[in-house]
C-alpha atoms as a PDB file:
ATOM      1  CA  MET A   1      -0.076  -0.049   0.141  1.00  0.00           C
ATOM      2  CA  GLU A   2       1.439   3.366  -1.070  1.00  0.00           C
ATOM      3  CA  PHE A   3       0.735   6.392   0.895  1.00  0.00           C
ATOM      4  CA  GLU A   4       0.321  10.087  -0.208  1.00  0.00           C
ATOM      5  CA  ALA A   5       3.191  12.279   0.757  1.00  0.00           C
ATOM      6  CA  PRO A   6       2.689  14.157   4.277  1.00  0.00           C
ATOM      7  CA  ARG A   7       0.919  17.489   3.908  1.00  0.00           C
ATOM      8  CA  GLU A   8       2.511  20.626   5.446  1.00  0.00           C
ATOM      9  CA  LEU A   9       0.710  21.937   8.392  1.00  0.00           C
ATOM     10  CA  ALA A  10      -0.573  24.955   6.891  1.00  0.00           C
ATOM     11  CA  GLN A  11      -2.476  22.515   4.491  1.00  0.00           C
ATOM     12  CA  ARG A  12      -3.461  20.408   7.425  1.00  0.00           C
ATOM     13  CA  LYS A  13      -5.023  23.496   9.159  1.00  0.00           C
ATOM     14  CA  ARG A  14      -7.018  24.504   5.837  1.00  0.00           C
ATOM     15  CA  ASP A  15      -8.106  20.629   5.489  1.00  0.00           C
ATOM     16  CA  THR A  16      -9.416  20.652   9.151  1.00  0.00           C
ATOM     17  CA  LEU A  17     -10.870  23.864   9.011  1.00  0.00           C
ATOM     18  CA  ALA A  18     -12.890  22.832   5.918  1.00  0.00           C
ATOM     19  CA  ARG A  19     -13.908  19.895   7.744  1.00  0.00           C
ATOM     20  CA  LEU A  20     -15.313  21.897  10.752  1.00  0.00           C
ATOM     21  CA  GLU A  21     -17.114  24.113   8.366  1.00  0.00           C
ATOM     22  CA  HIS A  22     -18.620  21.709   6.197  1.00  0.00           C
ATOM     23  CA  ASP A  23     -19.056  18.353   7.854  1.00  0.00           C
ATOM     24  CA  LEU A  24     -22.301  18.049  10.291  1.00  0.00           C
ATOM     25  CA  ASP A  25     -21.323  15.074  12.738  1.00  0.00           C
ATOM     26  CA  ALA A  26     -18.792  14.095  15.175  1.00  0.00           C
ATOM     27  CA  TRP A  27     -18.082  11.269  17.541  1.00  0.00           C
ATOM     28  CA  VAL A  28     -18.310  12.701  20.941  1.00  0.00           C
ATOM     29  CA  ALA A  29     -16.581  10.823  24.052  1.00  0.00           C
ATOM     30  CA  SER A  30     -16.993  11.361  27.523  1.00  0.00           C
ATOM     31  CA  ALA A  31     -16.928   9.644  30.975  1.00  0.00           C
ATOM     32  CA  ASP A  32     -18.944   9.396  34.034  1.00  0.00           C
ATOM     33  CA  ARG A  33     -17.511  10.065  37.465  1.00  0.00           C
ATOM     34  CA  GLU A  34     -16.544   6.623  37.750  1.00  0.00           C
ATOM     35  CA  GLY A  35     -14.617   6.836  34.620  1.00  0.00           C
ATOM     36  CA  ASN A  36     -17.130   4.591  32.202  1.00  0.00           C
ATOM     37  CA  PRO A  37     -16.672   5.956  28.830  1.00  0.00           C
ATOM     38  CA  TYR A  38     -19.543   7.215  26.748  1.00  0.00           C
ATOM     39  CA  LEU A  39     -19.464   7.356  23.095  1.00  0.00           C
ATOM     40  CA  VAL A  40     -22.148   8.850  20.570  1.00  0.00           C
ATOM     41  CA  PRO A  41     -22.627  10.584  17.305  1.00  0.00           C
ATOM     42  CA  LEU A  42     -23.791  14.437  17.074  1.00  0.00           C
ATOM     43  CA  SER A  43     -24.407  17.108  15.103  1.00  0.00           C
ATOM     44  CA  PHE A  44     -22.396  20.341  15.368  1.00  0.00           C
ATOM     45  CA  LEU A  45     -22.108  23.595  14.487  1.00  0.00           C
ATOM     46  CA  TRP A  46     -18.784  25.143  14.132  1.00  0.00           C
ATOM     47  CA  ASP A  47     -18.530  29.288  14.399  1.00  0.00           C
ATOM     48  CA  SER A  48     -14.936  29.722  13.775  1.00  0.00           C
ATOM     49  CA  THR A  49     -14.001  29.876  17.480  1.00  0.00           C
ATOM     50  CA  ALA A  50     -16.063  26.583  18.916  1.00  0.00           C
ATOM     51  CA  LEU A  51     -18.316  23.755  18.387  1.00  0.00           C
ATOM     52  CA  THR A  52     -21.892  23.753  19.534  1.00  0.00           C
ATOM     53  CA  LEU A  53     -23.710  20.779  20.092  1.00  0.00           C
ATOM     54  CA  ALA A  54     -27.374  19.650  21.516  1.00  0.00           C
ATOM     55  CA  THR A  55     -28.426  16.646  23.014  1.00  0.00           C
ATOM     56  CA  ALA A  56     -30.885  15.556  25.460  1.00  0.00           C
ATOM     57  CA  GLU A  57     -30.585  17.324  29.146  1.00  0.00           C
ATOM     58  CA  SER A  58     -30.994  13.922  30.716  1.00  0.00           C
ATOM     59  CA  SER A  59     -28.629  11.936  28.299  1.00  0.00           C
ATOM     60  CA  PRO A  60     -25.315  10.239  29.465  1.00  0.00           C
ATOM     61  CA  THR A  61     -23.327  13.207  27.326  1.00  0.00           C
ATOM     62  CA  ALA A  62     -25.070  16.010  28.741  1.00  0.00           C
ATOM     63  CA  ARG A  63     -24.694  14.552  32.216  1.00  0.00           C
ATOM     64  CA  ASN A  64     -20.888  13.761  31.787  1.00  0.00           C
ATOM     65  CA  LEU A  65     -19.943  16.946  30.180  1.00  0.00           C
ATOM     66  CA  ARG A  66     -21.554  19.152  32.505  1.00  0.00           C
ATOM     67  CA  ALA A  67     -19.848  17.580  35.291  1.00  0.00           C
ATOM     68  CA  SER A  68     -16.461  17.077  33.793  1.00  0.00           C
ATOM     69  CA  GLY A  69     -16.496  20.386  31.660  1.00  0.00           C
ATOM     70  CA  ARG A  70     -14.121  18.247  29.283  1.00  0.00           C
ATOM     71  CA  VAL A  71     -14.574  16.457  25.816  1.00  0.00           C
ATOM     72  CA  ARG A  72     -12.695  14.258  23.032  1.00  0.00           C
ATOM     73  CA  MET A  73     -14.321  14.762  19.926  1.00  0.00           C
ATOM     74  CA  SER A  74     -13.299  13.030  16.464  1.00  0.00           C
ATOM     75  CA  LEU A  75     -14.382  14.099  13.008  1.00  0.00           C
ATOM     76  CA  GLY A  76     -13.473  12.076   9.784  1.00  0.00           C
ATOM     77  CA  THR A  77     -12.416   8.492   8.849  1.00  0.00           C
ATOM     78  CA  THR A  78      -9.691   6.494  10.541  1.00  0.00           C
ATOM     79  CA  ARG A  79      -7.449   7.720   7.413  1.00  0.00           C
ATOM     80  CA  ASP A  80      -8.463  11.236   7.825  1.00  0.00           C
ATOM     81  CA  VAL A  81      -9.105  11.776  11.594  1.00  0.00           C
ATOM     82  CA  VAL A  82      -9.359  15.527  13.342  1.00  0.00           C
ATOM     83  CA  LEU A  83      -9.209  14.913  17.354  1.00  0.00           C
ATOM     84  CA  ILE A  84     -10.274  17.856  19.225  1.00  0.00           C
ATOM     85  CA  ASP A  85      -9.952  18.034  23.028  1.00  0.00           C
ATOM     86  CA  GLY A  86     -11.870  21.013  24.580  1.00  0.00           C
ATOM     87  CA  THR A  87     -13.680  22.475  27.366  1.00  0.00           C
ATOM     88  CA  VAL A  88     -17.528  22.762  27.649  1.00  0.00           C
ATOM     89  CA  GLU A  89     -19.826  25.448  28.557  1.00  0.00           C
ATOM     90  CA  THR A  90     -23.238  23.812  28.912  1.00  0.00           C
ATOM     91  CA  PHE A  91     -26.811  25.879  28.403  1.00  0.00           C
ATOM     92  CA  THR A  92     -30.194  24.831  28.935  1.00  0.00           C
ATOM     93  CA  ARG A  93     -33.033  25.763  26.362  1.00  0.00           C
ATOM     94  CA  ASP A  94     -33.844  28.791  28.726  1.00  0.00           C
ATOM     95  CA  THR A  95     -30.008  29.823  29.107  1.00  0.00           C
ATOM     96  CA  VAL A  96     -28.761  29.401  25.417  1.00  0.00           C
ATOM     97  CA  PRO A  97     -27.976  32.976  24.060  1.00  0.00           C
ATOM     98  CA  VAL A  98     -30.537  33.351  21.238  1.00  0.00           C
ATOM     99  CA  GLU A  99     -27.852  34.172  18.644  1.00  0.00           C
ATOM    100  CA  LEU A 100     -26.216  30.742  19.420  1.00  0.00           C
ATOM    101  CA  ALA A 101     -29.498  28.876  19.149  1.00  0.00           C
ATOM    102  CA  ASP A 102     -30.727  30.535  16.351  1.00  0.00           C
ATOM    103  CA  ALA A 103     -27.317  29.819  14.169  1.00  0.00           C
ATOM    104  CA  PHE A 104     -27.588  26.090  15.527  1.00  0.00           C
ATOM    105  CA  ALA A 105     -31.298  26.100  14.189  1.00  0.00           C
ATOM    106  CA  ALA A 106     -30.491  27.611  10.836  1.00  0.00           C
ATOM    107  CA  ARG A 107     -27.812  24.824  10.126  1.00  0.00           C
ATOM    108  CA  LEU A 108     -29.063  21.815  11.957  1.00  0.00           C
ATOM    109  CA  TRP A 109     -32.623  21.925  13.924  1.00  0.00           C
ATOM    110  CA  ASP A 110     -34.100  24.034  16.592  1.00  0.00           C
ATOM    111  CA  ALA A 111     -33.471  22.252  19.887  1.00  0.00           C
ATOM    112  CA  ARG A 112     -35.448  24.926  21.691  1.00  0.00           C
ATOM    113  CA  VAL A 113     -38.952  23.309  20.671  1.00  0.00           C
ATOM    114  CA  GLY A 114     -40.381  20.160  21.361  1.00  0.00           C
ATOM    115  CA  ALA A 115     -41.285  17.909  24.325  1.00  0.00           C
ATOM    116  CA  THR A 116     -37.640  16.775  24.782  1.00  0.00           C
ATOM    117  CA  ARG A 117     -35.203  19.449  26.685  1.00  0.00           C
ATOM    118  CA  TYR A 118     -32.414  19.500  25.076  1.00  0.00           C
ATOM    119  CA  ALA A 119     -28.866  20.946  26.375  1.00  0.00           C
ATOM    120  CA  TYR A 120     -26.610  23.049  24.201  1.00  0.00           C
ATOM    121  CA  LEU A 121     -23.101  22.316  24.645  1.00  0.00           C
ATOM    122  CA  ARG A 122     -20.237  24.512  23.579  1.00  0.00           C
ATOM    123  CA  VAL A 123     -16.923  23.170  23.001  1.00  0.00           C
ATOM    124  CA  THR A 124     -13.831  25.483  22.971  1.00  0.00           C
ATOM    125  CA  PRO A 125     -11.098  23.408  21.485  1.00  0.00           C
ATOM    126  CA  ARG A 126      -7.748  23.412  23.222  1.00  0.00           C
ATOM    127  CA  ARG A 127      -5.918  20.807  21.267  1.00  0.00           C
ATOM    128  CA  ILE A 128      -6.612  19.672  18.001  1.00  0.00           C
ATOM    129  CA  GLN A 129      -4.793  16.882  16.010  1.00  0.00           C
ATOM    130  CA  THR A 130      -5.002  15.688  12.614  1.00  0.00           C
ATOM    131  CA  TRP A 131      -3.301  13.134  10.261  1.00  0.00           C
ATOM    132  CA  ARG A 132      -4.135  10.791   7.433  1.00  0.00           C
ATOM    133  CA  GLU A 133      -1.319   8.442   7.504  1.00  0.00           C
ATOM    134  CA  GLU A 134       1.473   7.309   9.969  1.00  0.00           C
ATOM    135  CA  ASN A 135       3.735   9.789   8.215  1.00  0.00           C
ATOM    136  CA  GLU A 136       1.523  12.665   9.259  1.00  0.00           C
ATOM    137  CA  ILE A 137       1.656  11.405  12.974  1.00  0.00           C
ATOM    138  CA  ALA A 138       4.820  13.522  13.693  1.00  0.00           C
ATOM    139  CA  GLY A 139       3.865  17.146  13.872  1.00  0.00           C
ATOM    140  CA  ARG A 140       0.120  16.092  14.361  1.00  0.00           C
ATOM    141  CA  ASP A 141      -0.746  18.810  16.764  1.00  0.00           C
ATOM    142  CA  LEU A 142      -1.959  22.001  14.948  1.00  0.00           C
ATOM    143  CA  MET A 143      -3.536  23.476  18.287  1.00  0.00           C
ATOM    144  CA  ARG A 144      -2.215  23.096  21.726  1.00  0.00           C
ATOM    145  CA  ASP A 145      -3.581  25.392  24.771  1.00  0.00           C
ATOM    146  CA  GLY A 146      -6.255  26.993  22.754  1.00  0.00           C
ATOM    147  CA  HIS A 147      -3.639  28.331  20.138  1.00  0.00           C
ATOM    148  CA  TRP A 148      -3.152  27.328  16.663  1.00  0.00           C
ATOM    149  CA  LEU A 149       0.509  26.157  16.099  1.00  0.00           C
ATOM    150  CA  VAL A 150       0.109  27.233  12.408  1.00  0.00           C
END
Protein backbone atom coordinates (compact mmCIF):
# COMPACT_ATOMS: atom_id res chain seq x y z
CA MET A 1 0.00 0.00 0.00
CA GLU A 2 1.39 3.39 -1.00
CA PHE A 3 0.71 6.45 1.09
CA GLU A 4 0.34 10.00 -0.06
CA ALA A 5 3.12 12.42 0.82
CA PRO A 6 2.53 14.11 4.18
CA ARG A 7 0.78 17.46 4.04
CA GLU A 8 2.43 20.62 5.26
CA LEU A 9 0.99 21.93 8.55
CA ALA A 10 -0.64 24.90 6.82
CA GLN A 11 -2.48 22.50 4.46
CA ARG A 12 -3.54 20.31 7.38
CA LYS A 13 -5.01 23.38 9.09
CA ARG A 14 -6.90 24.38 5.92
CA ASP A 15 -8.24 20.83 5.59
CA THR A 16 -9.25 20.77 9.25
CA LEU A 17 -11.05 24.11 9.02
CA ALA A 18 -12.86 22.92 5.89
CA ARG A 19 -13.98 19.79 7.74
CA LEU A 20 -15.18 21.87 10.71
CA GLU A 21 -17.13 24.18 8.40
CA HIS A 22 -18.70 21.49 6.20
CA ASP A 23 -19.07 18.29 8.24
CA LEU A 24 -22.27 17.88 10.20
CA ASP A 25 -21.46 15.12 12.68
CA ALA A 26 -18.74 14.13 15.12
CA TRP A 27 -18.09 11.32 17.55
CA VAL A 28 -18.28 12.72 21.09
CA ALA A 29 -16.56 10.86 23.93
CA SER A 30 -17.16 11.48 27.61
CA ALA A 31 -16.89 9.59 30.88
CA ASP A 32 -18.90 9.51 34.06
CA ARG A 33 -17.46 10.12 37.55
CA GLU A 34 -16.41 6.46 37.80
CA GLY A 35 -14.56 6.67 34.48
CA ASN A 36 -17.07 4.65 32.47
CA PRO A 37 -16.73 5.79 28.85
CA TYR A 38 -19.62 6.88 26.67
CA LEU A 39 -19.39 7.52 22.92
CA VAL A 40 -22.12 8.98 20.75
CA PRO A 41 -22.41 10.69 17.34
CA LEU A 42 -23.78 14.23 17.50
CA SER A 43 -24.32 16.98 14.97
CA PHE A 44 -22.38 20.19 15.47
CA LEU A 45 -22.16 23.81 14.44
CA TRP A 46 -18.71 25.41 14.03
CA ASP A 47 -18.60 29.20 14.38
CA SER A 48 -14.83 29.63 13.77
CA THR A 49 -14.16 29.63 17.53
CA ALA A 50 -16.13 26.77 19.06
CA LEU A 51 -18.37 23.83 18.25
CA THR A 52 -21.95 23.72 19.52
CA LEU A 53 -23.73 20.42 20.09
CA ALA A 54 -27.22 19.66 21.34
CA THR A 55 -28.35 16.55 23.15
CA ALA A 56 -31.11 15.69 25.61
CA GLU A 57 -30.45 17.26 29.02
CA SER A 58 -30.94 13.84 30.64
CA SER A 59 -28.54 11.98 28.32
CA PRO A 60 -25.30 10.45 29.60
CA THR A 61 -23.35 12.80 27.33
CA ALA A 62 -24.98 15.93 28.77
CA ARG A 63 -24.54 14.68 32.35
CA ASN A 64 -20.91 13.70 31.79
CA LEU A 65 -19.92 16.92 30.03
CA ARG A 66 -21.70 19.10 32.60
CA ALA A 67 -19.87 17.31 35.41
CA SER A 68 -16.39 17.23 33.89
CA GLY A 69 -16.36 20.30 31.65
CA ARG A 70 -14.16 18.35 29.20
CA VAL A 71 -14.70 16.43 25.97
CA ARG A 72 -12.87 14.54 23.26
CA MET A 73 -14.36 14.61 19.78
CA SER A 74 -13.42 13.03 16.47
CA LEU A 75 -14.28 14.05 12.93
CA GLY A 76 -13.51 12.21 9.73
CA THR A 77 -12.42 8.68 9.07
CA THR A 78 -9.61 6.59 10.50
CA ARG A 79 -7.53 7.56 7.45
CA ASP A 80 -8.31 11.28 7.74
CA VAL A 81 -8.92 11.99 11.40
CA VAL A 82 -9.34 15.20 13.39
CA LEU A 83 -9.21 14.80 17.19
CA ILE A 84 -10.40 17.67 19.35
CA ASP A 85 -9.93 17.97 23.11
CA GLY A 86 -11.95 20.83 24.50
CA THR A 87 -13.61 22.50 27.41
CA VAL A 88 -17.39 22.57 27.62
CA GLU A 89 -19.84 25.30 28.56
CA THR A 90 -23.40 24.03 29.02
CA PHE A 91 -26.66 25.89 28.39
CA THR A 92 -30.29 24.87 28.79
CA ARG A 93 -32.97 25.91 26.33
CA ASP A 94 -33.74 28.73 28.79
CA THR A 95 -30.15 29.99 29.16
CA VAL A 96 -28.74 29.49 25.65
CA PRO A 97 -27.84 32.81 24.00
CA VAL A 98 -30.44 33.53 21.31
CA GLU A 99 -27.85 34.09 18.59
CA LEU A 100 -26.21 30.72 19.35
CA ALA A 101 -29.52 28.84 19.30
CA ASP A 102 -30.62 30.66 16.13
CA ALA A 103 -27.36 29.75 14.34
CA PHE A 104 -27.69 26.12 15.44
CA ALA A 105 -31.30 26.03 14.24
CA ALA A 106 -30.38 27.55 10.87
CA ARG A 107 -27.76 24.86 10.22
CA LEU A 108 -29.31 21.82 11.95
CA TRP A 109 -32.61 22.01 13.87
CA ASP A 110 -34.21 24.12 16.57
CA ALA A 111 -33.45 22.28 19.82
CA ARG A 112 -35.45 24.85 21.79
CA VAL A 113 -38.82 23.45 20.72
CA GLY A 114 -40.52 20.15 21.36
CA ALA A 115 -41.14 17.95 24.37
CA THR A 116 -37.51 16.87 24.83
CA ARG A 117 -35.43 19.39 26.72
CA TYR A 118 -32.06 19.74 25.03
CA ALA A 119 -28.78 20.95 26.48
CA TYR A 120 -26.54 23.06 24.28
CA LEU A 121 -22.88 22.15 24.73
CA ARG A 122 -20.37 24.73 23.52
CA VAL A 123 -16.95 23.14 23.02
CA THR A 124 -13.90 25.38 22.90
CA PRO A 125 -10.97 23.47 21.41
CA ARG A 126 -7.85 23.34 23.56
CA ARG A 127 -5.98 20.77 21.44
CA ILE A 128 -6.52 19.71 17.83
CA GLN A 129 -4.63 16.89 16.19
CA THR A 130 -4.98 15.74 12.60
CA TRP A 131 -3.39 13.10 10.40
CA ARG A 132 -4.11 10.82 7.48
CA GLU A 133 -1.41 8.18 7.57
CA GLU A 134 1.51 7.21 9.77
CA ASN A 135 3.70 9.69 7.90
CA GLU A 136 1.64 12.55 9.40
CA ILE A 137 1.75 11.33 13.02
CA ALA A 138 4.84 13.43 13.71
CA GLY A 139 3.68 17.02 13.94
CA ARG A 140 0.00 16.06 14.23
CA ASP A 141 -0.70 18.85 16.73
CA LEU A 142 -2.30 21.85 15.04
CA MET A 143 -3.52 23.49 18.24
CA ARG A 144 -2.18 23.34 21.78
CA ASP A 145 -3.52 25.15 24.83
CA GLY A 146 -6.16 26.78 22.64
CA HIS A 147 -3.64 28.37 20.26
CA TRP A 148 -3.07 27.41 16.63
CA LEU A 149 0.52 26.33 16.02
CA VAL A 150 0.34 27.23 12.36
